[in-house]
């Protein structure tokens, strides 16, 4: 994460925007492409709230390769630096 996005994330945390109730647009079944690997499309399988975490975790499976999975913070998807909605 770059310094500018770190500051933005901290601002959202202190304003209370990092809670599960502030979730917008990320739903199970939504498709996102990886900004660094344009051929990869990831599908949201599950959104989990973890008691010790401010942000819920999003479980993703690669489209066409359900054996490939990754888990990222909801904030990572929402900030749009690493993932964007797939078309």
PDB file of N, CA and C in Angstrom:
ATOM      1  N   UNK A   1       0.848  -1.170   0.000  1.00  0.00           N
ATOM      2  CA  UNK A   1       0.000   0.000   0.000  1.00  0.00           C
ATOM      3  C   UNK A   1       0.891   1.230   0.000  1.00  0.00           C
ATOM      4  N   UNK A   2       0.545   2.188  -0.847  1.00  0.00           N
ATOM      5  CA  UNK A   2       1.335   3.400  -0.911  1.00  0.00           C
ATOM      6  C   UNK A   2       0.957   4.335   0.220  1.00  0.00           C
ATOM      7  N   UNK A   3       1.824   5.295   0.487  1.00  0.00           N
ATOM      8  CA  UNK A   3       1.621   6.205   1.599  1.00  0.00           C
ATOM      9  C   UNK A   3       0.299   6.963   1.497  1.00  0.00           C
ATOM     10  N   UNK A   4      -0.060   7.454   0.311  1.00  0.00           N
ATOM     11  CA  UNK A   4      -1.302   8.219   0.147  1.00  0.00           C
ATOM     12  C   UNK A   4      -2.530   7.403   0.481  1.00  0.00           C
ATOM     13  N   UNK A   5      -2.552   6.136   0.052  1.00  0.00           N
ATOM     14  CA  UNK A   5      -3.710   5.306   0.352  1.00  0.00           C
ATOM     15  C   UNK A   5      -3.734   4.908   1.824  1.00  0.00           C
ATOM     16  N   UNK A   6      -2.566   4.818   2.455  1.00  0.00           N
ATOM     17  CA  UNK A   6      -2.510   4.515   3.892  1.00  0.00           C
ATOM     18  C   UNK A   6      -3.166   5.635   4.682  1.00  0.00           C
ATOM     19  N   UNK A   7      -2.890   6.842   4.289  1.00  0.00           N
ATOM     20  CA  UNK A   7      -3.477   7.993   4.980  1.00  0.00           C
ATOM     21  C   UNK A   7      -4.990   8.011   4.781  1.00  0.00           C
ATOM     22  N   UNK A   8      -5.440   7.714   3.555  1.00  0.00           N
ATOM     23  CA  UNK A   8      -6.881   7.669   3.282  1.00  0.00           C
ATOM     24  C   UNK A   8      -7.567   6.605   4.115  1.00  0.00           C
ATOM     25  N   UNK A   9      -6.929   5.451   4.249  1.00  0.00           N
ATOM     26  CA  UNK A   9      -7.478   4.379   5.056  1.00  0.00           C
ATOM     27  C   UNK A   9      -7.572   4.797   6.511  1.00  0.00           C
ATOM     28  N   UNK A  10      -6.533   5.435   7.036  1.00  0.00           N
ATOM     29  CA  UNK A  10      -6.564   5.900   8.423  1.00  0.00           C
ATOM     30  C   UNK A  10      -7.662   6.936   8.642  1.00  0.00           C
ATOM     31  N   UNK A  11      -7.843   7.837   7.682  1.00  0.00           N
ATOM     32  CA  UNK A  11      -8.910   8.837   7.812  1.00  0.00           C
ATOM     33  C   UNK A  11     -10.271   8.160   7.889  1.00  0.00           C
ATOM     34  N   UNK A  12     -10.486   7.137   7.027  1.00  0.00           N
ATOM     35  CA  UNK A  12     -11.770   6.432   7.057  1.00  0.00           C
ATOM     36  C   UNK A  12     -11.970   5.709   8.377  1.00  0.00           C
ATOM     37  N   UNK A  13     -10.905   5.149   8.933  1.00  0.00           N
ATOM     38  CA  UNK A  13     -11.018   4.466  10.219  1.00  0.00           C
ATOM     39  C   UNK A  13     -11.442   5.433  11.321  1.00  0.00           C
ATOM     40  N   UNK A  14     -10.806   6.599  11.365  1.00  0.00           N
ATOM     41  CA  UNK A  14     -11.105   7.555  12.420  1.00  0.00           C
ATOM     42  C   UNK A  14     -12.456   8.228  12.242  1.00  0.00           C
ATOM     43  N   UNK A  15     -12.966   8.262  11.025  1.00  0.00           N
ATOM     44  CA  UNK A  15     -14.305   8.819  10.791  1.00  0.00           C
ATOM     45  C   UNK A  15     -15.379   7.762  10.982  1.00  0.00           C
ATOM     46  N   UNK A  16     -14.971   6.515  11.231  1.00  0.00           N
ATOM     47  CA  UNK A  16     -15.949   5.459  11.445  1.00  0.00           C
ATOM     48  C   UNK A  16     -16.461   4.836  10.171  1.00  0.00           C
ATOM     49  N   UNK A  17     -15.800   5.072   9.050  1.00  0.00           N
ATOM     50  CA  UNK A  17     -16.258   4.524   7.783  1.00  0.00           C
ATOM     51  C   UNK A  17     -15.738   3.123   7.548  1.00  0.00           C
ATOM     52  N   UNK A  18     -14.958   2.597   8.448  1.00  0.00           N
ATOM     53  CA  UNK A  18     -14.384   1.283   8.260  1.00  0.00           C
ATOM     54  C   UNK A  18     -15.205   0.164   8.856  1.00  0.00           C
ATOM     55  N   UNK A  19     -16.387   0.445   9.312  1.00  0.00           N
ATOM     56  CA  UNK A  19     -17.199  -0.581   9.934  1.00  0.00           C
ATOM     57  C   UNK A  19     -18.017  -1.326   8.899  1.00  0.00           C
ATOM     58  N   UNK A  20     -18.502  -2.481   9.268  1.00  0.00           N
ATOM     59  CA  UNK A  20     -19.282  -3.309   8.355  1.00  0.00           C
ATOM     60  C   UNK A  20     -20.530  -2.584   7.876  1.00  0.00           C
ATOM     61  N   UNK A  21     -21.103  -1.716   8.690  1.00  0.00           N
ATOM     62  CA  UNK A  21     -22.322  -1.011   8.299  1.00  0.00           C
ATOM     63  C   UNK A  21     -22.077  -0.014   7.175  1.00  0.00           C
ATOM     64  N   UNK A  22     -20.815   0.335   6.928  1.00  0.00           N
ATOM     65  CA  UNK A  22     -20.508   1.284   5.863  1.00  0.00           C
ATOM     66  C   UNK A  22     -20.242   0.581   4.532  1.00  0.00           C
ATOM     67  N   UNK A  23     -20.438  -0.742   4.488  1.00  0.00           N
ATOM     68  CA  UNK A  23     -20.187  -1.511   3.283  1.00  0.00           C
ATOM     69  C   UNK A  23     -21.099  -1.051   2.154  1.00  0.00           C
ATOM     70  N   UNK A  24     -20.491  -0.756   1.009  1.00  0.00           N
ATOM     71  CA  UNK A  24     -21.291  -0.352  -0.138  1.00  0.00           C
ATOM     72  C   UNK A  24     -20.823  -1.077  -1.383  1.00  0.00           C
ATOM     73  N   UNK A  25     -21.732  -1.714  -2.080  1.00  0.00           N
ATOM     74  CA  UNK A  25     -21.441  -2.269  -3.380  1.00  0.00           C
ATOM     75  C   UNK A  25     -20.761  -3.624  -3.425  1.00  0.00           C
ATOM     76  N   UNK A  26     -20.129  -4.082  -2.385  1.00  0.00           N
ATOM     77  CA  UNK A  26     -19.464  -5.374  -2.416  1.00  0.00           C
ATOM     78  C   UNK A  26     -20.454  -6.412  -1.899  1.00  0.00           C
ATOM     79  N   UNK A  27     -20.856  -7.319  -2.787  1.00  0.00           N
ATOM     80  CA  UNK A  27     -21.832  -8.348  -2.431  1.00  0.00           C
ATOM     81  C   UNK A  27     -21.355  -9.695  -2.953  1.00  0.00           C
ATOM     82  N   UNK A  28     -21.867 -10.759  -2.376  1.00  0.00           N
ATOM     83  CA  UNK A  28     -21.544 -12.103  -2.846  1.00  0.00           C
ATOM     84  C   UNK A  28     -21.960 -12.216  -4.311  1.00  0.00           C
ATOM     85  N   UNK A  29     -21.065 -12.747  -5.125  1.00  0.00           N
ATOM     86  CA  UNK A  29     -21.319 -12.895  -6.551  1.00  0.00           C
ATOM     87  C   UNK A  29     -20.754 -11.765  -7.403  1.00  0.00           C
ATOM     88  N   UNK A  30     -20.363 -10.659  -6.759  1.00  0.00           N
ATOM     89  CA  UNK A  30     -19.776  -9.536  -7.508  1.00  0.00           C
ATOM     90  C   UNK A  30     -18.446  -9.966  -8.095  1.00  0.00           C
ATOM     91  N   UNK A  31     -18.130  -9.440  -9.278  1.00  0.00           N
ATOM     92  CA  UNK A  31     -16.905  -9.807  -9.985  1.00  0.00           C
ATOM     93  C   UNK A  31     -15.960  -8.615 -10.024  1.00  0.00           C
ATOM     94  N   UNK A  32     -14.683  -8.881  -9.739  1.00  0.00           N
ATOM     95  CA  UNK A  32     -13.661  -7.835  -9.738  1.00  0.00           C
ATOM     96  C   UNK A  32     -12.457  -8.304 -10.536  1.00  0.00           C
ATOM     97  N   UNK A  33     -11.866  -7.388 -11.279  1.00  0.00           N
ATOM     98  CA  UNK A  33     -10.624  -7.728 -11.969  1.00  0.00           C
ATOM     99  C   UNK A  33      -9.469  -7.139 -11.191  1.00  0.00           C
ATOM    100  N   UNK A  34      -8.385  -7.865 -11.214  1.00  0.00           N
ATOM    101  CA  UNK A  34      -7.157  -7.470 -10.539  1.00  0.00           C
ATOM    102  C   UNK A  34      -6.474  -6.413 -11.396  1.00  0.00           C
ATOM    103  N   UNK A  35      -6.216  -5.256 -10.858  1.00  0.00           N
ATOM    104  CA  UNK A  35      -5.611  -4.163 -11.628  1.00  0.00           C
ATOM    105  C   UNK A  35      -4.212  -4.495 -12.125  1.00  0.00           C
ATOM    106  N   UNK A  36      -3.520  -5.417 -11.460  1.00  0.00           N
ATOM    107  CA  UNK A  36      -2.151  -5.749 -11.830  1.00  0.00           C
ATOM    108  C   UNK A  36      -2.079  -6.921 -12.811  1.00  0.00           C
ATOM    109  N   UNK A  37      -3.112  -7.746 -12.827  1.00  0.00           N
ATOM    110  CA  UNK A  37      -3.185  -8.906 -13.719  1.00  0.00           C
ATOM    111  C   UNK A  37      -4.547  -8.836 -14.412  1.00  0.00           C
ATOM    112  N   UNK A  38      -4.615  -8.110 -15.484  1.00  0.00           N
ATOM    113  CA  UNK A  38      -5.884  -7.770 -16.128  1.00  0.00           C
ATOM    114  C   UNK A  38      -6.693  -8.978 -16.586  1.00  0.00           C
ATOM    115  N   UNK A  39      -6.054 -10.129 -16.762  1.00  0.00           N
ATOM    116  CA  UNK A  39      -6.793 -11.302 -17.204  1.00  0.00           C
ATOM    117  C   UNK A  39      -7.485 -12.028 -16.054  1.00  0.00           C
ATOM    118  N   UNK A  40      -7.131 -11.698 -14.829  1.00  0.00           N
ATOM    119  CA  UNK A  40      -7.719 -12.371 -13.664  1.00  0.00           C
ATOM    120  C   UNK A  40      -9.013 -11.696 -13.246  1.00  0.00           C
ATOM    121  N   UNK A  41     -10.076 -12.493 -13.143  1.00  0.00           N
ATOM    122  CA  UNK A  41     -11.349 -12.008 -12.609  1.00  0.00           C
ATOM    123  C   UNK A  41     -11.638 -12.816 -11.356  1.00  0.00           C
ATOM    124  N   UNK A  42     -11.971 -12.107 -10.282  1.00  0.00           N
ATOM    125  CA  UNK A  42     -12.222 -12.728  -8.988  1.00  0.00           C
ATOM    126  C   UNK A  42     -13.678 -12.512  -8.596  1.00  0.00           C
ATOM    127  N   UNK A  43     -14.318 -13.557  -8.074  1.00  0.00           N
ATOM    128  CA  UNK A  43     -15.731 -13.521  -7.694  1.00  0.00           C
ATOM    129  C   UNK A  43     -15.830 -13.590  -6.171  1.00  0.00           C
ATOM    130  N   UNK A  44     -16.631 -12.705  -5.597  1.00  0.00           N
ATOM    131  CA  UNK A  44     -16.834 -12.688  -4.146  1.00  0.00           C
ATOM    132  C   UNK A  44     -17.633 -13.928  -3.749  1.00  0.00           C
ATOM    133  N   UNK A  45     -17.056 -14.759  -2.883  1.00  0.00           N
ATOM    134  CA  UNK A  45     -17.736 -15.953  -2.391  1.00  0.00           C
ATOM    135  C   UNK A  45     -18.372 -15.743  -1.026  1.00  0.00           C
ATOM    136  N   UNK A  46     -17.713 -14.920  -0.207  1.00  0.00           N
ATOM    137  CA  UNK A  46     -18.188 -14.753   1.175  1.00  0.00           C
ATOM    138  C   UNK A  46     -17.630 -13.459   1.736  1.00  0.00           C
ATOM    139  N   UNK A  47     -18.413 -12.819   2.596  1.00  0.00           N
ATOM    140  CA  UNK A  47     -17.968 -11.645   3.340  1.00  0.00           C
ATOM    141  C   UNK A  47     -18.118 -12.003   4.812  1.00  0.00           C
ATOM    142  N   UNK A  48     -17.003 -11.992   5.542  1.00  0.00           N
ATOM    143  CA  UNK A  48     -16.997 -12.444   6.933  1.00  0.00           C
ATOM    144  C   UNK A  48     -16.564 -11.325   7.857  1.00  0.00           C
ATOM    145  N   UNK A  49     -17.296 -11.153   8.940  1.00  0.00           N
ATOM    146  CA  UNK A  49     -16.879 -10.212   9.976  1.00  0.00           C
ATOM    147  C   UNK A  49     -16.096 -10.974  11.033  1.00  0.00           C
ATOM    148  N   UNK A  50     -14.940 -10.450  11.361  1.00  0.00           N
ATOM    149  CA  UNK A  50     -14.093 -11.050  12.380  1.00  0.00           C
ATOM    150  C   UNK A  50     -14.104 -10.106  13.574  1.00  0.00           C
ATOM    151  N   UNK A  51     -14.365 -10.623  14.742  1.00  0.00           N
ATOM    152  CA  UNK A  51     -14.516  -9.800  15.935  1.00  0.00           C
ATOM    153  C   UNK A  51     -13.388  -8.822  16.198  1.00  0.00           C
ATOM    154  N   UNK A  52     -12.148  -9.224  15.957  1.00  0.00           N
ATOM    155  CA  UNK A  52     -11.004  -8.371  16.271  1.00  0.00           C
ATOM    156  C   UNK A  52     -10.655  -7.397  15.149  1.00  0.00           C
ATOM    157  N   UNK A  53     -11.353  -7.488  14.024  1.00  0.00           N
ATOM    158  CA  UNK A  53     -11.021  -6.671  12.863  1.00  0.00           C
ATOM    159  C   UNK A  53     -12.066  -5.583  12.644  1.00  0.00           C
ATOM    160  N   UNK A  54     -11.589  -4.404  12.272  1.00  0.00           N
ATOM    161  CA  UNK A  54     -12.504  -3.298  11.959  1.00  0.00           C
ATOM    162  C   UNK A  54     -13.215  -3.556  10.641  1.00  0.00           C
ATOM    163  N   UNK A  55     -12.495  -4.143   9.696  1.00  0.00           N
ATOM    164  CA  UNK A  55     -13.052  -4.405   8.373  1.00  0.00           C
ATOM    165  C   UNK A  55     -13.398  -5.877   8.212  1.00  0.00           C
ATOM    166  N   UNK A  56     -14.511  -6.167   7.553  1.00  0.00           N
ATOM    167  CA  UNK A  56     -14.816  -7.556   7.222  1.00  0.00           C
ATOM    168  C   UNK A  56     -13.803  -8.084   6.201  1.00  0.00           C
ATOM    169  N   UNK A  57     -13.690  -9.386   6.124  1.00  0.00           N
ATOM    170  CA  UNK A  57     -12.818 -10.022   5.154  1.00  0.00           C
ATOM    171  C   UNK A  57     -13.653 -10.546   3.992  1.00  0.00           C
ATOM    172  N   UNK A  58     -13.118 -10.436   2.789  1.00  0.00           N
ATOM    173  CA  UNK A  58     -13.807 -10.872   1.586  1.00  0.00           C
ATOM    174  C   UNK A  58     -13.051 -12.057   1.001  1.00  0.00           C
ATOM    175  N   UNK A  59     -13.751 -13.180   0.839  1.00  0.00           N
ATOM    176  CA  UNK A  59     -13.171 -14.364   0.229  1.00  0.00           C
ATOM    177  C   UNK A  59     -13.492 -14.352  -1.257  1.00  0.00           C
ATOM    178  N   UNK A  60     -12.444 -14.460  -2.077  1.00  0.00           N
ATOM    179  CA  UNK A  60     -12.586 -14.411  -3.526  1.00  0.00           C
ATOM    180  C   UNK A  60     -12.114 -15.720  -4.144  1.00  0.00           C
ATOM    181  N   UNK A  61     -12.766 -16.127  -5.229  1.00  0.00           N
ATOM    182  CA  UNK A  61     -12.330 -17.281  -6.016  1.00  0.00           C
ATOM    183  C   UNK A  61     -12.124 -16.808  -7.441  1.00  0.00           C
ATOM    184  N   UNK A  62     -11.075 -17.300  -8.071  1.00  0.00           N
ATOM    185  CA  UNK A  62     -10.789 -16.881  -9.442  1.00  0.00           C
ATOM    186  C   UNK A  62     -11.799 -17.521 -10.395  1.00  0.00           C
ATOM    187  N   UNK A  63     -12.373 -16.703 -11.238  1.00  0.00           N
ATOM    188  CA  UNK A  63     -13.351 -17.179 -12.206  1.00  0.00           C
ATOM    189  C   UNK A  63     -12.677 -18.177 -13.157  1.00  0.00           C
ATOM    190  N   UNK A  64     -13.298 -19.319 -13.345  1.00  0.00           N
ATOM    191  CA  UNK A  64     -12.739 -20.348 -14.197  1.00  0.00           C
ATOM    192  C   UNK A  64     -11.717 -21.228 -13.512  1.00  0.00           C
ATOM    193  N   UNK A  65     -11.275 -20.853 -12.337  1.00  0.00           N
ATOM    194  CA  UNK A  65     -10.300 -21.618 -11.542  1.00  0.00           C
ATOM    195  C   UNK A  65     -10.713 -21.560 -10.067  1.00  0.00           C
ATOM    196  N   UNK A  66     -11.835 -22.196  -9.707  1.00  0.00           N
ATOM    197  CA  UNK A  66     -12.335 -22.094  -8.334  1.00  0.00           C
ATOM    198  C   UNK A  66     -11.381 -22.653  -7.280  1.00  0.00           C
ATOM    199  N   UNK A  67     -10.332 -23.369  -7.710  1.00  0.00           N
ATOM    200  CA  UNK A  67      -9.344 -23.868  -6.759  1.00  0.00           C
ATOM    201  C   UNK A  67      -8.391 -22.761  -6.308  1.00  0.00           C
ATOM    202  N   UNK A  68      -8.351 -21.638  -7.040  1.00  0.00           N
ATOM    203  CA  UNK A  68      -7.516 -20.500  -6.657  1.00  0.00           C
ATOM    204  C   UNK A  68      -8.357 -19.512  -5.863  1.00  0.00           C
ATOM    205  N   UNK A  69      -7.939 -19.252  -4.649  1.00  0.00           N
ATOM    206  CA  UNK A  69      -8.709 -18.373  -3.761  1.00  0.00           C
ATOM    207  C   UNK A  69      -7.786 -17.362  -3.104  1.00  0.00           C
ATOM    208  N   UNK A  70      -8.380 -16.249  -2.691  1.00  0.00           N
ATOM    209  CA  UNK A  70      -7.645 -15.271  -1.886  1.00  0.00           C
ATOM    210  C   UNK A  70      -8.627 -14.594  -0.951  1.00  0.00           C
ATOM    211  N   UNK A  71      -8.099 -14.107   0.153  1.00  0.00           N
ATOM    212  CA  UNK A  71      -8.904 -13.372   1.134  1.00  0.00           C
ATOM    213  C   UNK A  71      -8.259 -12.014   1.332  1.00  0.00           C
ATOM    214  N   UNK A  72      -9.081 -10.969   1.206  1.00  0.00           N
ATOM    215  CA  UNK A  72      -8.593  -9.608   1.370  1.00  0.00           C
ATOM    216  C   UNK A  72      -9.561  -8.844   2.261  1.00  0.00           C
ATOM    217  N   UNK A  73      -9.103  -7.751   2.785  1.00  0.00           N
ATOM    218  CA  UNK A  73      -9.958  -6.871   3.572  1.00  0.00           C
ATOM    219  C   UNK A  73     -10.961  -6.191   2.644  1.00  0.00           C
ATOM    220  N   UNK A  74     -12.136  -5.949   3.139  1.00  0.00           N
ATOM    221  CA  UNK A  74     -13.152  -5.225   2.381  1.00  0.00           C
ATOM    222  C   UNK A  74     -12.617  -3.871   1.925  1.00  0.00           C
ATOM    223  N   UNK A  75     -11.790  -3.240   2.754  1.00  0.00           N
ATOM    224  CA  UNK A  75     -11.221  -1.931   2.425  1.00  0.00           C
ATOM    225  C   UNK A  75     -10.366  -1.993   1.164  1.00  0.00           C
ATOM    226  N   UNK A  76      -9.693  -3.114   0.934  1.00  0.00           N
ATOM    227  CA  UNK A  76      -8.850  -3.264  -0.252  1.00  0.00           C
ATOM    228  C   UNK A  76      -9.704  -3.197  -1.510  1.00  0.00           C
ATOM    229  N   UNK A  77     -10.852  -3.822  -1.478  1.00  0.00           N
ATOM    230  CA  UNK A  77     -11.736  -3.785  -2.647  1.00  0.00           C
ATOM    231  C   UNK A  77     -12.377  -2.410  -2.786  1.00  0.00           C
ATOM    232  N   UNK A  78     -12.826  -1.851  -1.683  1.00  0.00           N
ATOM    233  CA  UNK A  78     -13.506  -0.557  -1.738  1.00  0.00           C
ATOM    234  C   UNK A  78     -12.605   0.582  -2.182  1.00  0.00           C
ATOM    235  N   UNK A  79     -11.308   0.547  -1.832  1.00  0.00           N
ATOM    236  CA  UNK A  79     -10.456   1.680  -2.207  1.00  0.00           C
ATOM    237  C   UNK A  79     -10.123   1.683  -3.696  1.00  0.00           C
ATOM    238  N   UNK A  80     -10.306   0.549  -4.382  1.00  0.00           N
ATOM    239  CA  UNK A  80     -10.173   0.514  -5.827  1.00  0.00           C
ATOM    240  C   UNK A  80      -8.766   0.538  -6.382  1.00  0.00           C
ATOM    241  N   UNK A  81      -7.759   0.469  -5.531  1.00  0.00           N
ATOM    242  CA  UNK A  81      -6.382   0.489  -6.027  1.00  0.00           C
ATOM    243  C   UNK A  81      -5.946  -0.855  -6.593  1.00  0.00           C
ATOM    244  N   UNK A  82      -6.383  -1.947  -5.986  1.00  0.00           N
ATOM    245  CA  UNK A  82      -5.963  -3.280  -6.429  1.00  0.00           C
ATOM    246  C   UNK A  82      -7.030  -4.009  -7.234  1.00  0.00           C
ATOM    247  N   UNK A  83      -8.286  -3.678  -7.010  1.00  0.00           N
ATOM    248  CA  UNK A  83      -9.390  -4.340  -7.707  1.00  0.00           C
ATOM    249  C   UNK A  83     -10.358  -3.288  -8.242  1.00  0.00           C
ATOM    250  N   UNK A  84     -10.956  -3.619  -9.390  1.00  0.00           N
ATOM    251  CA  UNK A  84     -12.018  -2.772  -9.949  1.00  0.00           C
ATOM    252  C   UNK A  84     -13.131  -3.695 -10.418  1.00  0.00           C
ATOM    253  N   UNK A  85     -14.368  -3.215 -10.480  1.00  0.00           N
ATOM    254  CA  UNK A  85     -15.457  -4.062 -10.954  1.00  0.00           C
ATOM    255  C   UNK A  85     -15.154  -4.593 -12.358  1.00  0.00           C
ATOM    256  N   UNK A  86     -15.369  -5.886 -12.544  1.00  0.00           N
ATOM    257  CA  UNK A  86     -15.117  -6.512 -13.850  1.00  0.00           C
ATOM    258  C   UNK A  86     -16.288  -6.223 -14.778  1.00  0.00           C
ATOM    259  N   UNK A  87     -15.958  -6.081 -16.041  1.00  0.00           N
ATOM    260  CA  UNK A  87     -17.003  -5.832 -17.051  1.00  0.00           C
ATOM    261  C   UNK A  87     -17.255  -7.068 -17.870  1.00  0.00           C
TER     262      UNK A  87
END
